[in-house]
Amino acid sequence: DSTSPANGSVGVQSGKTIEIHFSEQVQAGTGKAVYISPRPKTDSKLKWRGDQLNITLADSFPPNQTTVVSIVSAVTDLRNNHLDSSMTIAFSTGSTLDSGRVAGTVLKEDIAQPTVLVGLWELGRLNDSTIIDSLYPDYLTVTDAKGNFILKFLPDKSYRLIAFVDRSKNDRFN
């Protein structure tokens, strides 16, 4: 697998396209398969073709920011074999990659909860009157089959974490 910009790169020049090359031909799974964090204001365009995924953002990469692309294990090869685990790619337009991380397991009555969304909202964006279901999470991922999740490459800030089932399929806690 390879990416452009390269995974872990810093000082990335302004651009709008992220290319991911897989070791074999892939197809998007059912449901949402790609999450970009922090979430762009406008949805990105995804183009799956053969062993490649092209992501085109509406705006250029933000300056001095780490961008994280998470590809969930719902992506399959042509024989419908799922990825072994989620894939995370990170790059920065600044001089360093953010290094914060949050990991855990989502349980309900001691039972692991797969395919649950886990969102982080930066506390600086929230106040007592904020209705959180009106905001997309700044960072978003999906739990694996064992209910585990990890959010990596986070800036050193305070967040509110909420795990939720996205019945409305809009990436919001509503």
N, C-alpha and C. Protein backbone atom coordinates (compact mmCIF):
# COMPACT_ATOMS: atom_id res chain seq x y z
N ASP A 1 0.84 -1.18 0.00
CA ASP A 1 0.00 0.00 0.00
C ASP A 1 0.88 1.24 0.00
N SER A 2 0.45 2.27 -0.73
CA SER A 2 1.16 3.54 -0.73
C SER A 2 0.14 4.67 -0.81
N THR A 3 0.57 5.87 -0.41
CA THR A 3 -0.34 7.00 -0.42
C THR A 3 0.38 8.23 -0.94
N SER A 4 -0.42 9.18 -1.42
CA SER A 4 0.08 10.49 -1.80
C SER A 4 -0.95 11.51 -1.32
N PRO A 5 -0.57 12.41 -0.42
CA PRO A 5 0.72 12.55 0.23
C PRO A 5 1.09 11.29 1.01
N ALA A 6 2.39 11.10 1.19
CA ALA A 6 2.88 9.90 1.88
C ALA A 6 2.43 9.90 3.34
N ASN A 7 2.08 8.71 3.82
CA ASN A 7 1.70 8.56 5.23
C ASN A 7 2.86 9.01 6.11
N GLY A 8 2.56 9.88 7.08
CA GLY A 8 3.57 10.35 8.02
C GLY A 8 4.35 11.56 7.53
N SER A 9 4.05 12.07 6.34
CA SER A 9 4.83 13.18 5.81
C SER A 9 4.42 14.50 6.47
N VAL A 10 5.38 15.41 6.53
CA VAL A 10 5.16 16.76 7.07
C VAL A 10 5.59 17.77 6.01
N GLY A 11 5.15 19.01 6.18
CA GLY A 11 5.48 20.04 5.20
C GLY A 11 4.83 19.81 3.86
N VAL A 12 3.67 19.13 3.85
CA VAL A 12 2.96 18.83 2.61
C VAL A 12 2.46 20.13 1.99
N GLN A 13 2.69 20.29 0.71
CA GLN A 13 2.23 21.47 -0.01
C GLN A 13 0.71 21.45 -0.13
N SER A 14 0.14 22.61 -0.27
CA SER A 14 -1.30 22.74 -0.42
C SER A 14 -1.77 21.89 -1.60
N GLY A 15 -2.86 21.22 -1.41
CA GLY A 15 -3.44 20.39 -2.46
C GLY A 15 -4.85 20.03 -2.09
N LYS A 16 -5.51 19.27 -2.94
CA LYS A 16 -6.89 18.88 -2.69
C LYS A 16 -7.12 17.39 -2.86
N THR A 17 -6.09 16.66 -3.30
CA THR A 17 -6.28 15.25 -3.64
C THR A 17 -5.42 14.34 -2.78
N ILE A 18 -6.03 13.27 -2.31
CA ILE A 18 -5.33 12.23 -1.56
C ILE A 18 -5.51 10.94 -2.36
N GLU A 19 -4.41 10.26 -2.66
CA GLU A 19 -4.46 9.00 -3.41
C GLU A 19 -3.98 7.87 -2.51
N ILE A 20 -4.73 6.79 -2.52
CA ILE A 20 -4.36 5.62 -1.75
C ILE A 20 -4.32 4.43 -2.70
N HIS A 21 -3.18 3.76 -2.73
CA HIS A 21 -3.01 2.58 -3.57
C HIS A 21 -2.96 1.36 -2.66
N PHE A 22 -3.81 0.39 -2.94
CA PHE A 22 -3.87 -0.84 -2.16
C PHE A 22 -3.04 -1.92 -2.86
N SER A 23 -2.75 -2.99 -2.14
CA SER A 23 -1.93 -4.07 -2.70
C SER A 23 -2.72 -4.92 -3.70
N GLU A 24 -4.03 -4.77 -3.71
CA GLU A 24 -4.86 -5.48 -4.69
C GLU A 24 -6.11 -4.65 -4.96
N GLN A 25 -6.89 -5.07 -5.94
CA GLN A 25 -8.09 -4.33 -6.29
C GLN A 25 -9.09 -4.37 -5.14
N VAL A 26 -9.74 -3.23 -4.91
CA VAL A 26 -10.70 -3.12 -3.80
C VAL A 26 -11.99 -2.50 -4.31
N GLN A 27 -13.01 -2.64 -3.47
CA GLN A 27 -14.28 -1.99 -3.72
C GLN A 27 -14.81 -1.49 -2.39
N ALA A 28 -15.56 -0.43 -2.42
CA ALA A 28 -16.11 0.11 -1.19
C ALA A 28 -17.09 -0.90 -0.60
N GLY A 29 -17.10 -1.01 0.70
CA GLY A 29 -18.05 -1.90 1.36
C GLY A 29 -19.40 -1.21 1.49
N THR A 30 -20.30 -1.86 2.18
CA THR A 30 -21.59 -1.24 2.41
C THR A 30 -21.43 -0.20 3.51
N GLY A 31 -22.13 0.89 3.42
CA GLY A 31 -22.02 1.95 4.41
C GLY A 31 -20.82 2.83 4.13
N LYS A 32 -20.61 3.76 5.00
CA LYS A 32 -19.51 4.71 4.83
C LYS A 32 -18.19 4.02 5.13
N ALA A 33 -17.21 4.21 4.27
CA ALA A 33 -15.94 3.51 4.40
C ALA A 33 -14.76 4.43 4.70
N VAL A 34 -14.93 5.75 4.48
CA VAL A 34 -13.81 6.68 4.61
C VAL A 34 -14.23 7.87 5.48
N TYR A 35 -13.38 8.18 6.46
CA TYR A 35 -13.59 9.34 7.33
C TYR A 35 -12.35 10.22 7.26
N ILE A 36 -12.56 11.52 7.08
CA ILE A 36 -11.46 12.48 7.06
C ILE A 36 -11.60 13.37 8.29
N SER A 37 -10.49 13.51 9.02
CA SER A 37 -10.50 14.32 10.23
C SER A 37 -9.33 15.28 10.23
N PRO A 38 -9.52 16.50 10.74
CA PRO A 38 -10.81 17.07 11.08
C PRO A 38 -11.72 17.09 9.85
N ARG A 39 -12.99 16.96 10.12
CA ARG A 39 -13.97 16.86 9.04
C ARG A 39 -13.98 18.14 8.20
N PRO A 40 -13.81 18.00 6.88
CA PRO A 40 -13.92 19.18 6.00
C PRO A 40 -15.35 19.75 6.03
N LYS A 41 -15.48 21.04 5.77
CA LYS A 41 -16.80 21.68 5.80
C LYS A 41 -17.72 21.15 4.71
N THR A 42 -17.13 20.73 3.60
CA THR A 42 -17.89 20.19 2.48
C THR A 42 -17.45 18.75 2.24
N ASP A 43 -18.41 17.88 1.96
CA ASP A 43 -18.07 16.47 1.72
C ASP A 43 -17.08 16.32 0.58
N SER A 44 -16.21 15.35 0.75
CA SER A 44 -15.20 15.04 -0.26
C SER A 44 -15.77 14.07 -1.28
N LYS A 45 -15.16 14.04 -2.47
CA LYS A 45 -15.58 13.09 -3.50
C LYS A 45 -14.64 11.90 -3.47
N LEU A 46 -15.21 10.71 -3.46
CA LEU A 46 -14.44 9.46 -3.46
C LEU A 46 -14.59 8.78 -4.80
N LYS A 47 -13.46 8.31 -5.34
CA LYS A 47 -13.50 7.56 -6.59
C LYS A 47 -12.69 6.28 -6.39
N TRP A 48 -13.40 5.16 -6.37
CA TRP A 48 -12.77 3.85 -6.23
C TRP A 48 -12.54 3.30 -7.63
N ARG A 49 -11.30 2.89 -7.92
CA ARG A 49 -11.02 2.31 -9.23
C ARG A 49 -9.86 1.34 -9.10
N GLY A 50 -10.14 0.06 -9.33
CA GLY A 50 -9.10 -0.96 -9.26
C GLY A 50 -8.46 -1.01 -7.90
N ASP A 51 -7.15 -0.79 -7.84
CA ASP A 51 -6.43 -0.85 -6.57
C ASP A 51 -6.22 0.55 -5.99
N GLN A 52 -7.02 1.50 -6.41
CA GLN A 52 -6.78 2.89 -6.02
C GLN A 52 -8.06 3.56 -5.52
N LEU A 53 -7.88 4.43 -4.53
CA LEU A 53 -8.94 5.31 -4.05
C LEU A 53 -8.43 6.74 -4.17
N ASN A 54 -9.17 7.57 -4.89
CA ASN A 54 -8.85 8.99 -5.01
C ASN A 54 -9.88 9.77 -4.21
N ILE A 55 -9.39 10.61 -3.31
CA ILE A 55 -10.25 11.46 -2.49
C ILE A 55 -9.97 12.89 -2.92
N THR A 56 -11.01 13.59 -3.34
CA THR A 56 -10.86 14.99 -3.74
C THR A 56 -11.63 15.85 -2.76
N LEU A 57 -10.90 16.73 -2.08
CA LEU A 57 -11.51 17.65 -1.12
C LEU A 57 -12.06 18.86 -1.86
N ALA A 58 -13.06 19.49 -1.28
CA ALA A 58 -13.62 20.70 -1.89
C ALA A 58 -12.65 21.87 -1.76
N ASP A 59 -11.88 21.90 -0.66
CA ASP A 59 -10.92 22.96 -0.42
C ASP A 59 -9.53 22.37 -0.25
N SER A 60 -8.51 23.21 -0.34
CA SER A 60 -7.13 22.77 -0.17
C SER A 60 -6.87 22.32 1.26
N PHE A 61 -5.82 21.51 1.43
CA PHE A 61 -5.42 21.09 2.77
C PHE A 61 -5.22 22.32 3.63
N PRO A 62 -5.77 22.33 4.85
CA PRO A 62 -5.61 23.49 5.73
C PRO A 62 -4.14 23.69 6.13
N PRO A 63 -3.71 24.94 6.29
CA PRO A 63 -2.32 25.19 6.68
C PRO A 63 -2.04 24.75 8.12
N ASN A 64 -0.83 24.29 8.37
CA ASN A 64 -0.38 23.90 9.71
C ASN A 64 -1.35 22.97 10.43
N GLN A 65 -1.80 21.95 9.73
CA GLN A 65 -2.75 21.01 10.32
C GLN A 65 -2.43 19.59 9.91
N THR A 66 -2.61 18.67 10.85
CA THR A 66 -2.52 17.25 10.54
C THR A 66 -3.87 16.80 10.01
N THR A 67 -3.87 16.14 8.88
CA THR A 67 -5.09 15.56 8.29
C THR A 67 -5.00 14.06 8.44
N VAL A 68 -6.09 13.45 8.89
CA VAL A 68 -6.14 12.01 9.12
C VAL A 68 -7.23 11.41 8.24
N VAL A 69 -6.88 10.36 7.50
CA VAL A 69 -7.84 9.62 6.69
C VAL A 69 -7.95 8.23 7.29
N SER A 70 -9.18 7.86 7.68
CA SER A 70 -9.44 6.52 8.23
C SER A 70 -10.28 5.74 7.24
N ILE A 71 -9.81 4.55 6.92
CA ILE A 71 -10.56 3.67 6.02
C ILE A 71 -10.97 2.47 6.86
N VAL A 72 -12.27 2.26 6.99
CA VAL A 72 -12.76 1.20 7.87
C VAL A 72 -12.65 -0.16 7.20
N SER A 73 -12.71 -1.19 8.00
CA SER A 73 -12.52 -2.55 7.50
C SER A 73 -13.67 -3.04 6.64
N ALA A 74 -14.70 -2.21 6.41
CA ALA A 74 -15.81 -2.60 5.52
C ALA A 74 -15.37 -2.65 4.06
N VAL A 75 -14.21 -2.07 3.75
CA VAL A 75 -13.69 -2.12 2.38
C VAL A 75 -13.29 -3.56 2.07
N THR A 76 -13.61 -4.03 0.88
CA THR A 76 -13.33 -5.43 0.53
C THR A 76 -12.52 -5.51 -0.76
N ASP A 77 -11.87 -6.67 -0.94
CA ASP A 77 -11.23 -6.93 -2.23
C ASP A 77 -12.30 -7.51 -3.16
N LEU A 78 -11.91 -7.91 -4.35
CA LEU A 78 -12.90 -8.38 -5.33
C LEU A 78 -13.53 -9.72 -4.95
N ARG A 79 -12.91 -10.44 -3.99
CA ARG A 79 -13.48 -11.70 -3.51
C ARG A 79 -14.30 -11.50 -2.23
N ASN A 80 -14.61 -10.22 -1.94
CA ASN A 80 -15.39 -9.81 -0.77
C ASN A 80 -14.71 -10.11 0.56
N ASN A 81 -13.39 -10.19 0.57
CA ASN A 81 -12.64 -10.29 1.81
C ASN A 81 -12.43 -8.89 2.36
N HIS A 82 -12.80 -8.67 3.62
CA HIS A 82 -12.65 -7.36 4.25
C HIS A 82 -11.19 -7.10 4.60
N LEU A 83 -10.84 -5.82 4.72
CA LEU A 83 -9.53 -5.46 5.25
C LEU A 83 -9.37 -6.12 6.61
N ASP A 84 -8.15 -6.50 6.96
CA ASP A 84 -7.91 -7.12 8.26
C ASP A 84 -8.26 -6.17 9.40
N SER A 85 -8.01 -4.89 9.21
CA SER A 85 -8.33 -3.89 10.22
C SER A 85 -8.47 -2.54 9.52
N SER A 86 -8.95 -1.58 10.26
CA SER A 86 -9.05 -0.23 9.71
C SER A 86 -7.66 0.29 9.37
N MET A 87 -7.60 1.22 8.44
CA MET A 87 -6.34 1.80 7.99
C MET A 87 -6.36 3.29 8.29
N THR A 88 -5.25 3.81 8.82
CA THR A 88 -5.15 5.23 9.12
C THR A 88 -3.95 5.82 8.39
N ILE A 89 -4.18 6.93 7.71
CA ILE A 89 -3.13 7.65 7.00
C ILE A 89 -3.14 9.07 7.55
N ALA A 90 -1.96 9.60 7.85
CA ALA A 90 -1.88 10.96 8.36
C ALA A 90 -0.74 11.71 7.69
N PHE A 91 -0.97 12.99 7.46
CA PHE A 91 0.06 13.87 6.93
C PHE A 91 -0.20 15.27 7.45
N SER A 92 0.80 16.13 7.39
CA SER A 92 0.65 17.47 7.93
C SER A 92 1.17 18.52 6.96
N THR A 93 0.46 19.63 6.88
CA THR A 93 0.95 20.77 6.12
C THR A 93 1.89 21.62 6.98
N GLY A 94 1.97 21.30 8.26
CA GLY A 94 2.89 21.97 9.17
C GLY A 94 4.20 21.20 9.27
N SER A 95 5.00 21.54 10.28
CA SER A 95 6.33 20.94 10.42
C SER A 95 6.33 19.67 11.26
N THR A 96 5.22 19.33 11.91
CA THR A 96 5.12 18.11 12.71
C THR A 96 3.74 17.48 12.56
N LEU A 97 3.68 16.18 12.87
CA LEU A 97 2.39 15.50 12.96
C LEU A 97 1.89 15.62 14.39
N ASP A 98 0.60 15.85 14.56
CA ASP A 98 0.03 15.80 15.90
C ASP A 98 0.17 14.37 16.42
N SER A 99 0.37 14.21 17.72
CA SER A 99 0.68 12.88 18.25
C SER A 99 -0.29 12.37 19.31
N GLY A 100 -1.37 13.12 19.58
CA GLY A 100 -2.33 12.66 20.58
C GLY A 100 -3.11 11.46 20.09
N ARG A 101 -3.63 10.69 21.06
CA ARG A 101 -4.45 9.54 20.68
C ARG A 101 -5.42 9.20 21.79
N VAL A 102 -6.54 8.65 21.39
CA VAL A 102 -7.56 8.16 22.31
C VAL A 102 -7.95 6.78 21.82
N ALA A 103 -7.98 5.83 22.71
CA ALA A 103 -8.36 4.46 22.34
C ALA A 103 -9.25 3.89 23.43
N GLY A 104 -10.06 2.93 23.06
CA GLY A 104 -10.93 2.30 24.05
C GLY A 104 -11.77 1.21 23.43
N THR A 105 -12.73 0.77 24.20
CA THR A 105 -13.67 -0.27 23.78
C THR A 105 -15.08 0.20 24.14
N VAL A 106 -16.01 0.07 23.21
CA VAL A 106 -17.39 0.43 23.46
C VAL A 106 -18.15 -0.83 23.85
N LEU A 107 -18.74 -0.78 25.04
CA LEU A 107 -19.50 -1.91 25.57
C LEU A 107 -20.91 -1.45 25.91
N LYS A 108 -21.85 -2.37 25.81
CA LYS A 108 -23.21 -2.14 26.29
C LYS A 108 -23.56 -3.39 27.10
N GLU A 109 -23.75 -3.18 28.39
CA GLU A 109 -24.02 -4.31 29.29
C GLU A 109 -22.96 -5.39 29.14
N ASP A 110 -21.68 -4.97 29.11
CA ASP A 110 -20.50 -5.83 29.02
C ASP A 110 -20.39 -6.59 27.69
N ILE A 111 -21.13 -6.17 26.68
CA ILE A 111 -21.04 -6.80 25.36
C ILE A 111 -20.42 -5.79 24.39
N ALA A 112 -19.37 -6.23 23.68
CA ALA A 112 -18.69 -5.36 22.72
C ALA A 112 -19.66 -4.91 21.64
N GLN A 113 -19.51 -3.64 21.23
CA GLN A 113 -20.41 -3.05 20.25
C GLN A 113 -19.64 -2.74 18.95
N PRO A 114 -19.77 -3.60 17.94
CA PRO A 114 -19.10 -3.33 16.66
C PRO A 114 -19.84 -2.27 15.85
N THR A 115 -19.15 -1.67 14.93
CA THR A 115 -19.67 -0.67 13.97
C THR A 115 -20.42 0.49 14.64
N VAL A 116 -19.95 0.90 15.79
CA VAL A 116 -20.48 2.08 16.47
C VAL A 116 -19.56 3.24 16.14
N LEU A 117 -20.12 4.41 15.87
CA LEU A 117 -19.30 5.59 15.63
C LEU A 117 -18.79 6.15 16.95
N VAL A 118 -17.56 6.60 16.93
CA VAL A 118 -16.97 7.27 18.09
C VAL A 118 -16.50 8.63 17.60
N GLY A 119 -17.06 9.68 18.20
CA GLY A 119 -16.73 11.04 17.77
C GLY A 119 -16.07 11.83 18.88
N LEU A 120 -15.20 12.73 18.48
CA LEU A 120 -14.58 13.70 19.39
C LEU A 120 -14.96 15.10 18.94
N TRP A 121 -15.46 15.88 19.89
CA TRP A 121 -15.77 17.28 19.64
C TRP A 121 -14.80 18.11 20.46
N GLU A 122 -14.10 19.04 19.83
CA GLU A 122 -13.19 19.90 20.56
C GLU A 122 -13.99 20.77 21.53
N LEU A 123 -13.61 20.74 22.81
CA LEU A 123 -14.36 21.48 23.83
C LEU A 123 -14.37 22.98 23.56
N GLY A 124 -13.35 23.50 22.91
CA GLY A 124 -13.31 24.93 22.58
C GLY A 124 -14.44 25.36 21.66
N ARG A 125 -15.04 24.41 20.94
CA ARG A 125 -16.18 24.73 20.06
C ARG A 125 -17.51 24.64 20.77
N LEU A 126 -17.51 24.09 21.99
CA LEU A 126 -18.75 23.83 22.71
C LEU A 126 -18.93 24.81 23.86
N ASN A 127 -20.18 25.11 24.17
CA ASN A 127 -20.50 25.86 25.38
C ASN A 127 -21.78 25.27 25.96
N ASP A 128 -22.28 25.84 27.05
CA ASP A 128 -23.45 25.27 27.72
C ASP A 128 -24.70 25.23 26.85
N SER A 129 -24.78 26.11 25.86
CA SER A 129 -25.98 26.15 25.02
C SER A 129 -25.81 25.41 23.69
N THR A 130 -24.63 24.84 23.45
CA THR A 130 -24.41 24.12 22.20
C THR A 130 -25.26 22.86 22.16
N ILE A 131 -25.96 22.70 21.06
CA ILE A 131 -26.71 21.46 20.84
C ILE A 131 -25.80 20.57 20.01
N ILE A 132 -25.25 19.56 20.67
CA ILE A 132 -24.19 18.78 20.04
C ILE A 132 -24.65 18.04 18.79
N ASP A 133 -25.95 17.73 18.68
CA ASP A 133 -26.39 17.03 17.47
C ASP A 133 -26.44 17.95 16.26
N SER A 134 -26.18 19.23 16.45
CA SER A 134 -26.12 20.13 15.30
C SER A 134 -24.70 20.25 14.74
N LEU A 135 -23.72 19.62 15.41
CA LEU A 135 -22.33 19.69 14.99
C LEU A 135 -21.79 18.33 14.60
N TYR A 136 -21.04 18.29 13.51
CA TYR A 136 -20.31 17.07 13.19
C TYR A 136 -19.14 16.95 14.16
N PRO A 137 -18.77 15.73 14.52
CA PRO A 137 -17.56 15.58 15.34
C PRO A 137 -16.34 16.08 14.57
N ASP A 138 -15.35 16.60 15.30
CA ASP A 138 -14.10 17.01 14.67
C ASP A 138 -13.33 15.79 14.19
N TYR A 139 -13.40 14.71 14.96
CA TYR A 139 -12.70 13.46 14.65
C TYR A 139 -13.71 12.33 14.80
N LEU A 140 -13.64 11.37 13.89
CA LEU A 140 -14.64 10.31 13.86
C LEU A 140 -14.00 9.01 13.42
N THR A 141 -14.40 7.93 14.08
CA THR A 141 -13.96 6.59 13.67
C THR A 141 -15.08 5.61 13.96
N VAL A 142 -14.84 4.34 13.63
CA VAL A 142 -15.84 3.28 13.82
C VAL A 142 -15.19 2.16 14.61
N THR A 143 -15.95 1.58 15.53
CA THR A 143 -15.42 0.45 16.30
C THR A 143 -15.29 -0.78 15.41
N ASP A 144 -14.32 -1.63 15.77
CA ASP A 144 -14.12 -2.87 15.02
C ASP A 144 -15.05 -3.97 15.55
N ALA A 145 -14.87 -5.18 15.09
CA ALA A 145 -15.75 -6.30 15.45
C ALA A 145 -15.74 -6.58 16.96
N LYS A 146 -14.67 -6.17 17.65
CA LYS A 146 -14.57 -6.38 19.11
C LYS A 146 -14.92 -5.13 19.90
N GLY A 147 -15.46 -4.11 19.21
CA GLY A 147 -15.86 -2.89 19.88
C GLY A 147 -14.72 -1.92 20.16
N ASN A 148 -13.53 -2.23 19.66
CA ASN A 148 -12.36 -1.38 19.90
C ASN A 148 -12.29 -0.23 18.91
N PHE A 149 -11.73 0.88 19.36
CA PHE A 149 -11.51 2.02 18.48
C PHE A 149 -10.20 2.70 18.87
N ILE A 150 -9.65 3.44 17.92
CA ILE A 150 -8.49 4.27 18.18
C ILE A 150 -8.55 5.49 17.27
N LEU A 151 -8.33 6.63 17.87
CA LEU A 151 -8.22 7.89 17.13
C LEU A 151 -6.80 8.37 17.37
N LYS A 152 -6.03 8.50 16.28
CA LYS A 152 -4.63 8.88 16.38
C LYS A 152 -4.40 10.23 15.71
N PHE A 153 -3.21 10.79 15.96
CA PHE A 153 -2.77 12.03 15.34
C PHE A 153 -3.66 13.22 15.72
N LEU A 154 -4.02 13.26 17.00
CA LEU A 154 -4.88 14.33 17.49
C LEU A 154 -4.05 15.50 18.01
N PRO A 155 -4.53 16.75 17.80
CA PRO A 155 -3.87 17.89 18.42
C PRO A 155 -4.07 17.85 19.94
N ASP A 156 -3.17 18.47 20.66
CA ASP A 156 -3.22 18.49 22.13
C ASP A 156 -4.29 19.48 22.58
N LYS A 157 -5.52 19.00 22.64
CA LYS A 157 -6.67 19.81 23.04
C LYS A 157 -7.58 18.94 23.91
N SER A 158 -8.58 19.55 24.50
CA SER A 158 -9.57 18.81 25.29
C SER A 158 -10.78 18.52 24.41
N TYR A 159 -11.34 17.34 24.58
CA TYR A 159 -12.44 16.88 23.73
C TYR A 159 -13.56 16.27 24.56
N ARG A 160 -14.74 16.23 23.97
CA ARG A 160 -15.84 15.44 24.48
C ARG A 160 -15.96 14.23 23.56
N LEU A 161 -15.98 13.03 24.13
CA LEU A 161 -16.07 11.79 23.36
C LEU A 161 -17.47 11.22 23.54
N ILE A 162 -18.09 10.86 22.43
CA ILE A 162 -19.40 10.21 22.46
C ILE A 162 -19.37 9.06 21.46
N ALA A 163 -19.80 7.89 21.93
CA ALA A 163 -19.98 6.72 21.06
C ALA A 163 -21.47 6.60 20.77
N PHE A 164 -21.82 6.38 19.50
CA PHE A 164 -23.24 6.33 19.15
C PHE A 164 -23.49 5.48 17.92
N VAL A 165 -24.70 4.95 17.85
CA VAL A 165 -25.16 4.22 16.67
C VAL A 165 -25.76 5.26 15.73
N ASP A 166 -25.30 5.29 14.52
CA ASP A 166 -25.71 6.31 13.56
C ASP A 166 -26.88 5.81 12.71
N ARG A 167 -28.05 5.75 13.33
CA ARG A 167 -29.23 5.23 12.63
C ARG A 167 -29.63 6.10 11.44
N SER A 168 -29.39 7.40 11.53
CA SER A 168 -29.78 8.30 10.45
C SER A 168 -28.71 8.40 9.36
N LYS A 169 -27.56 7.74 9.57
CA LYS A 169 -26.47 7.68 8.57
C LYS A 169 -25.98 9.07 8.14
N ASN A 170 -25.89 10.00 9.11
CA ASN A 170 -25.43 11.35 8.80
C ASN A 170 -24.18 11.76 9.60
N ASP A 171 -23.56 10.81 10.27
CA ASP A 171 -22.33 11.05 11.05
C ASP A 171 -22.54 12.01 12.22
N ARG A 172 -23.77 12.20 12.65
CA ARG A 172 -24.05 13.09 13.78
C ARG A 172 -24.69 12.32 14.92
N PHE A 173 -24.47 12.81 16.13
CA PHE A 173 -25.07 12.23 17.32
C PHE A 173 -26.49 12.80 17.47
N ASN A 174 -27.44 12.17 16.78
CA ASN A 174 -28.83 12.62 16.87
C ASN A 174 -29.75 11.43 16.92
